[in-house]
C-alpha atoms as a PDB file:
ATOM      1  CA  MET A   1      68.573 120.040 109.808  1.00  0.00           C
ATOM      2  CA  ALA A   2      67.188 123.270 109.475  1.00  0.00           C
ATOM      3  CA  ALA A   3      69.714 123.930 106.213  1.00  0.00           C
ATOM      4  CA  ILE A   4      68.902 120.107 104.620  1.00  0.00           C
ATOM      5  CA  ALA A   5      65.170 121.272 104.758  1.00  0.00           C
ATOM      6  CA  LEU A   6      66.680 124.975 103.092  1.00  0.00           C
ATOM      7  CA  ALA A   7      69.179 123.049 101.000  1.00  0.00           C
ATOM      8  CA  ILE A   8      66.215 120.696  99.115  1.00  0.00           C
ATOM      9  CA  GLY A   9      63.137 123.179  99.624  1.00  0.00           C
ATOM     10  CA  LEU A  10      65.685 125.031  96.941  1.00  0.00           C
ATOM     11  CA  VAL A  11      65.956 122.452  94.956  1.00  0.00           C
ATOM     12  CA  PHE A  12      62.477 120.927  94.592  1.00  0.00           C
ATOM     13  CA  PRO A  13      60.728 124.790  94.571  1.00  0.00           C
ATOM     14  CA  ALA A  14      56.615 124.752  95.465  1.00  0.00           C
ATOM     15  CA  GLY A  15      54.865 122.983  92.299  1.00  0.00           C
ATOM     16  CA  ALA A  16      57.374 122.699  90.263  1.00  0.00           C
ATOM     17  CA  ASN A  17      56.577 121.368  87.034  1.00  0.00           C
ATOM     18  CA  ALA A  18      59.782 119.504  86.102  1.00  0.00           C
ATOM     19  CA  ARG A  19      60.190 116.280  83.934  1.00  0.00           C
ATOM     20  CA  ALA A  20      60.894 112.952  86.059  1.00  0.00           C
ATOM     21  CA  ASP A  21      63.049 110.748  85.719  1.00  0.00           C
ATOM     22  CA  GLN A  22      66.860 110.779  85.083  1.00  0.00           C
ATOM     23  CA  GLY A  23      66.046 113.716  82.376  1.00  0.00           C
ATOM     24  CA  ASP A  24      64.661 116.063  85.463  1.00  0.00           C
ATOM     25  CA  ALA A  25      66.609 119.682  85.286  1.00  0.00           C
ATOM     26  CA  ARG A  26      66.875 118.960  89.008  1.00  0.00           C
ATOM     27  CA  LEU A  27      69.180 116.343  89.338  1.00  0.00           C
ATOM     28  CA  LEU A  28      71.708 118.501  88.137  1.00  0.00           C
ATOM     29  CA  GLY A  29      71.493 120.500  91.639  1.00  0.00           C
ATOM     30  CA  LEU A  30      71.530 118.034  93.581  1.00  0.00           C
ATOM     31  CA  PHE A  31      74.438 115.974  91.491  1.00  0.00           C
ATOM     32  CA  ASP A  32      75.850 119.118  92.723  1.00  0.00           C
ATOM     33  CA  GLN A  33      74.707 118.951  96.562  1.00  0.00           C
ATOM     34  CA  LEU A  34      75.736 115.121  96.817  1.00  0.00           C
ATOM     35  CA  LYS A  35      79.508 115.152  95.787  1.00  0.00           C
ATOM     36  CA  SER A  36      79.484 117.837  98.314  1.00  0.00           C
ATOM     37  CA  ALA A  37      77.346 116.979 100.540  1.00  0.00           C
ATOM     38  CA  PRO A  38      79.231 117.493 104.303  1.00  0.00           C
ATOM     39  CA  ASP A  39      77.734 114.491 105.796  1.00  0.00           C
ATOM     40  CA  PRO A  40      76.137 111.271 105.315  1.00  0.00           C
ATOM     41  CA  ASP A  41      73.046 112.916 106.824  1.00  0.00           C
ATOM     42  CA  MET A  42      72.849 114.588 104.452  1.00  0.00           C
ATOM     43  CA  ALA A  43      73.975 112.680 101.741  1.00  0.00           C
ATOM     44  CA  ARG A  44      71.520 109.743 102.125  1.00  0.00           C
ATOM     45  CA  LEU A  45      68.833 113.141 102.122  1.00  0.00           C
ATOM     46  CA  VAL A  46      70.170 113.892  98.940  1.00  0.00           C
ATOM     47  CA  GLU A  47      70.210 110.179  97.665  1.00  0.00           C
ATOM     48  CA  SER A  48      66.702 109.578  98.463  1.00  0.00           C
ATOM     49  CA  ALA A  49      65.500 113.262  96.711  1.00  0.00           C
ATOM     50  CA  ILE A  50      67.442 111.468  93.951  1.00  0.00           C
ATOM     51  CA  TRP A  51      66.255 108.246  93.576  1.00  0.00           C
ATOM     52  CA  ASN A  52      62.142 109.851  94.121  1.00  0.00           C
ATOM     53  CA  ILE A  53      63.044 111.413  90.664  1.00  0.00           C
ATOM     54  CA  TRP A  54      64.750 108.870  88.956  1.00  0.00           C
ATOM     55  CA  GLY A  55      61.229 106.750  89.448  1.00  0.00           C
ATOM     56  CA  GLN A  56      59.147 109.228  89.149  1.00  0.00           C
ATOM     57  CA  VAL A  57      57.331 108.675  85.006  1.00  0.00           C
ATOM     58  CA  ASP A  58      54.983 111.464  82.972  1.00  0.00           C
ATOM     59  CA  ASP A  59      53.543 107.621  81.332  1.00  0.00           C
ATOM     60  CA  ARG A  60      50.105 106.502  83.715  1.00  0.00           C
ATOM     61  CA  ALA A  61      51.270 102.505  82.519  1.00  0.00           C
ATOM     62  CA  THR A  62      54.797 103.028  83.030  1.00  0.00           C
ATOM     63  CA  GLY A  63      54.228 104.450  86.635  1.00  0.00           C
ATOM     64  CA  ILE A  64      51.664 101.574  86.788  1.00  0.00           C
ATOM     65  CA  LEU A  65      54.414  98.792  86.066  1.00  0.00           C
ATOM     66  CA  LEU A  66      56.969 100.360  87.744  1.00  0.00           C
ATOM     67  CA  ARG A  67      55.091 100.165  91.688  1.00  0.00           C
ATOM     68  CA  GLU A  68      53.866  97.003  90.735  1.00  0.00           C
ATOM     69  CA  GLY A  69      57.923  94.979  89.279  1.00  0.00           C
ATOM     70  CA  THR A  70      59.033  97.446  92.633  1.00  0.00           C
ATOM     71  CA  SER A  71      55.979  95.485  95.573  1.00  0.00           C
ATOM     72  CA  ALA A  72      56.590  92.163  93.643  1.00  0.00           C
ATOM     73  CA  MET A  73      60.199  92.661  94.235  1.00  0.00           C
ATOM     74  CA  GLY A  74      59.241  93.181  97.931  1.00  0.00           C
ATOM     75  CA  ARG A  75      57.327  90.414  98.472  1.00  0.00           C
ATOM     76  CA  GLY A  76      60.228  88.231  96.594  1.00  0.00           C
ATOM     77  CA  ASP A  77      58.307  87.923  93.774  1.00  0.00           C
ATOM     78  CA  LEU A  78      60.912  87.863  91.403  1.00  0.00           C
ATOM     79  CA  ARG A  79      59.522  86.779  88.506  1.00  0.00           C
ATOM     80  CA  ALA A  80      57.065  89.206  88.686  1.00  0.00           C
ATOM     81  CA  ALA A  81      58.919  91.931  89.433  1.00  0.00           C
ATOM     82  CA  LEU A  82      61.192  90.446  86.023  1.00  0.00           C
ATOM     83  CA  GLY A  83      57.522  89.743  83.887  1.00  0.00           C
ATOM     84  CA  LYS A  84      57.015  93.795  84.964  1.00  0.00           C
ATOM     85  CA  PHE A  85      60.578  94.861  84.172  1.00  0.00           C
ATOM     86  CA  ASP A  86      60.581  93.380  80.718  1.00  0.00           C
ATOM     87  CA  GLN A  87      57.333  95.672  79.898  1.00  0.00           C
ATOM     88  CA  ILE A  88      58.771  99.043  80.595  1.00  0.00           C
ATOM     89  CA  VAL A  89      61.950  97.949  78.805  1.00  0.00           C
ATOM     90  CA  ALA A  90      59.676  97.472  76.135  1.00  0.00           C
ATOM     91  CA  ILE A  91      57.247 100.433  76.215  1.00  0.00           C
ATOM     92  CA  ALA A  92      59.675 102.936  77.321  1.00  0.00           C
ATOM     93  CA  PRO A  93      63.422 101.740  76.337  1.00  0.00           C
ATOM     94  CA  GLY A  94      64.826 105.348  77.280  1.00  0.00           C
ATOM     95  CA  PHE A  95      63.447 105.112  80.880  1.00  0.00           C
ATOM     96  CA  ALA A  96      66.691 104.478  83.197  1.00  0.00           C
ATOM     97  CA  GLU A  97      65.273 102.776  85.836  1.00  0.00           C
ATOM     98  CA  GLY A  98      63.455 100.747  84.421  1.00  0.00           C
ATOM     99  CA  TRP A  99      66.321  99.134  83.214  1.00  0.00           C
ATOM    100  CA  ASN A 100      68.526  99.271  86.281  1.00  0.00           C
ATOM    101  CA  LYS A 101      64.875  97.856  88.770  1.00  0.00           C
ATOM    102  CA  ARG A 102      65.196  94.945  85.903  1.00  0.00           C
ATOM    103  CA  ALA A 103      69.134  94.521  86.342  1.00  0.00           C
ATOM    104  CA  THR A 104      68.253  95.021  89.776  1.00  0.00           C
ATOM    105  CA  VAL A 105      65.884  91.492  89.558  1.00  0.00           C
ATOM    106  CA  HIS A 106      68.608  89.262  87.382  1.00  0.00           C
ATOM    107  CA  TYR A 107      71.301  89.852  89.656  1.00  0.00           C
ATOM    108  CA  LEU A 108      68.879  88.954  92.378  1.00  0.00           C
ATOM    109  CA  ILE A 109      67.979  85.433  90.058  1.00  0.00           C
ATOM    110  CA  GLY A 110      72.072  85.427  89.551  1.00  0.00           C
ATOM    111  CA  ASN A 111      71.410  86.819  86.072  1.00  0.00           C
ATOM    112  CA  PHE A 112      74.426  88.230  86.021  1.00  0.00           C
ATOM    113  CA  GLU A 113      75.017  88.432  82.457  1.00  0.00           C
ATOM    114  CA  GLU A 114      71.764  89.954  81.283  1.00  0.00           C
ATOM    115  CA  SER A 115      72.300  92.402  84.673  1.00  0.00           C
ATOM    116  CA  LEU A 116      75.561  93.600  83.341  1.00  0.00           C
ATOM    117  CA  LEU A 117      73.350  93.942  79.351  1.00  0.00           C
ATOM    118  CA  ASP A 118      70.822  95.808  81.668  1.00  0.00           C
ATOM    119  CA  ILE A 119      73.731  97.468  83.648  1.00  0.00           C
ATOM    120  CA  ASP A 120      74.994  99.582  80.203  1.00  0.00           C
ATOM    121  CA  LYS A 121      71.587 100.000  79.266  1.00  0.00           C
ATOM    122  CA  THR A 122      71.190 102.348  82.240  1.00  0.00           C
ATOM    123  CA  LEU A 123      74.643 103.440  82.718  1.00  0.00           C
ATOM    124  CA  ALA A 124      73.553 104.910  79.060  1.00  0.00           C
ATOM    125  CA  LEU A 125      70.592 106.915  79.654  1.00  0.00           C
ATOM    126  CA  GLU A 126      72.141 108.067  83.205  1.00  0.00           C
ATOM    127  CA  PRO A 127      75.726 108.192  83.662  1.00  0.00           C
ATOM    128  CA  ARG A 128      75.654 109.065  86.946  1.00  0.00           C
ATOM    129  CA  HIS A 129      73.463 107.232  88.318  1.00  0.00           C
ATOM    130  CA  PHE A 130      75.334 105.538  91.453  1.00  0.00           C
ATOM    131  CA  GLY A 131      72.853 102.718  92.167  1.00  0.00           C
ATOM    132  CA  ALA A 132      73.910 100.613  88.475  1.00  0.00           C
ATOM    133  CA  LEU A 133      77.299 101.021  88.661  1.00  0.00           C
ATOM    134  CA  SER A 134      77.684  99.941  93.238  1.00  0.00           C
ATOM    135  CA  GLY A 135      75.463  97.476  91.354  1.00  0.00           C
ATOM    136  CA  ARG A 136      77.947  96.834  88.348  1.00  0.00           C
ATOM    137  CA  GLY A 137      81.001  96.128  90.758  1.00  0.00           C
ATOM    138  CA  LEU A 138      78.977  93.890  93.782  1.00  0.00           C
ATOM    139  CA  VAL A 139      77.412  91.854  89.826  1.00  0.00           C
ATOM    140  CA  TYR A 140      81.528  91.765  89.169  1.00  0.00           C
ATOM    141  CA  MET A 141      81.783  90.229  92.696  1.00  0.00           C
ATOM    142  CA  GLN A 142      79.914  87.439  92.041  1.00  0.00           C
ATOM    143  CA  LEU A 143      81.242  86.929  88.792  1.00  0.00           C
ATOM    144  CA  ASP A 144      84.803  86.900  90.774  1.00  0.00           C
ATOM    145  CA  GLU A 145      85.970  90.326  88.584  1.00  0.00           C
ATOM    146  CA  GLU A 146      87.282  92.391  91.846  1.00  0.00           C
ATOM    147  CA  GLU A 147      90.028  94.442  89.027  1.00  0.00           C
ATOM    148  CA  LEU A 148      86.681  95.010  87.281  1.00  0.00           C
ATOM    149  CA  ALA A 149      84.718  94.997  90.518  1.00  0.00           C
ATOM    150  CA  LEU A 150      86.379  97.990  91.650  1.00  0.00           C
ATOM    151  CA  ASP A 151      86.848 100.383  89.431  1.00  0.00           C
ATOM    152  CA  SER A 152      83.164  99.877  89.718  1.00  0.00           C
ATOM    153  CA  PHE A 153      83.044 101.107  92.944  1.00  0.00           C
ATOM    154  CA  GLU A 154      85.194 103.373  92.210  1.00  0.00           C
ATOM    155  CA  ALA A 155      83.267 104.937  89.589  1.00  0.00           C
ATOM    156  CA  ALA A 156      80.229 105.234  92.222  1.00  0.00           C
ATOM    157  CA  LEU A 157      82.237 107.100  94.814  1.00  0.00           C
ATOM    158  CA  GLU A 158      83.091 109.852  92.302  1.00  0.00           C
ATOM    159  CA  VAL A 159      79.517 110.343  91.691  1.00  0.00           C
ATOM    160  CA  TYR A 160      78.661 109.642  94.787  1.00  0.00           C
ATOM    161  CA  PRO A 161      81.841 110.136  97.695  1.00  0.00           C
ATOM    162  CA  LEU A 162      79.785 108.891 100.862  1.00  0.00           C
ATOM    163  CA  ALA A 163      78.097 105.685  99.381  1.00  0.00           C
ATOM    164  CA  LEU A 164      78.587 104.050 102.253  1.00  0.00           C
ATOM    165  CA  GLY A 165      78.278 100.249 100.720  1.00  0.00           C
ATOM    166  CA  ALA A 166      80.550 100.536  97.488  1.00  0.00           C
ATOM    167  CA  ARG A 167      83.343 102.703 100.567  1.00  0.00           C
ATOM    168  CA  GLN A 168      83.181  99.860 102.106  1.00  0.00           C
ATOM    169  CA  ASN A 169      83.211  97.702  99.096  1.00  0.00           C
ATOM    170  CA  ALA A 170      86.042  99.613  97.399  1.00  0.00           C
ATOM    171  CA  LYS A 171      87.762  99.371 100.815  1.00  0.00           C
ATOM    172  CA  ILE A 172      87.598  94.669 101.139  1.00  0.00           C
ATOM    173  CA  LEU A 173      88.912  94.648  97.121  1.00  0.00           C
ATOM    174  CA  ARG A 174      91.929  97.451  97.579  1.00  0.00           C
ATOM    175  CA  GLY A 175      93.052  95.553 100.413  1.00  0.00           C
ATOM    176  CA  ARG A 176      92.509  92.112  98.978  1.00  0.00           C
ATOM    177  CA  LEU A 177      94.612  93.009  95.399  1.00  0.00           C
ATOM    178  CA  GLY A 178      97.362  94.727  97.560  1.00  0.00           C
ATOM    179  CA  ARG A 179      96.597  98.893  96.935  1.00  0.00           C
ATOM    180  CA  ARG A 180      95.885 101.310  99.119  1.00  0.00           C
ATOM    181  CA  ASP A 181      93.473 103.515 100.154  1.00  0.00           C
ATOM    182  CA  ILE A 182      92.209 106.652  98.329  1.00  0.00           C
END
């Protein structure tokens, strides 16, 4: 546990004043750690640090909308959440997590084509967004596009090799498609 704390401490020095979101300079080291994590516990800790950075914004209004939209998602009020995320992408189109959250809500509502469009925006801003890559795989599974789904999960695993959901879904799809495990 001390090694984990040290690793995260090196990435997040006390008082660090870095830009938050997908442009944050700390992400480079975190993605290196994520790719080489020795075990799932370390990987989840690094994953959490990445999600934390992706969710930070400098703009107060965007931060409020993000909190309100996330809270609405948690309550199951997907229409309210969609409205908040619509506002975020309008006022902060360069904020990848706004697009990702909206893609998630579209997926949950069953708006799969809209979800794919928002995932494309997310990945244009943050190509390493393992959540969006896995989400794209889930959308393609709903659309019965198993080859595209597998490609998406494998892309997520390139970024985050120990991602449990992506790993399980890829294994299922490889079995259905008659491919061997990698």
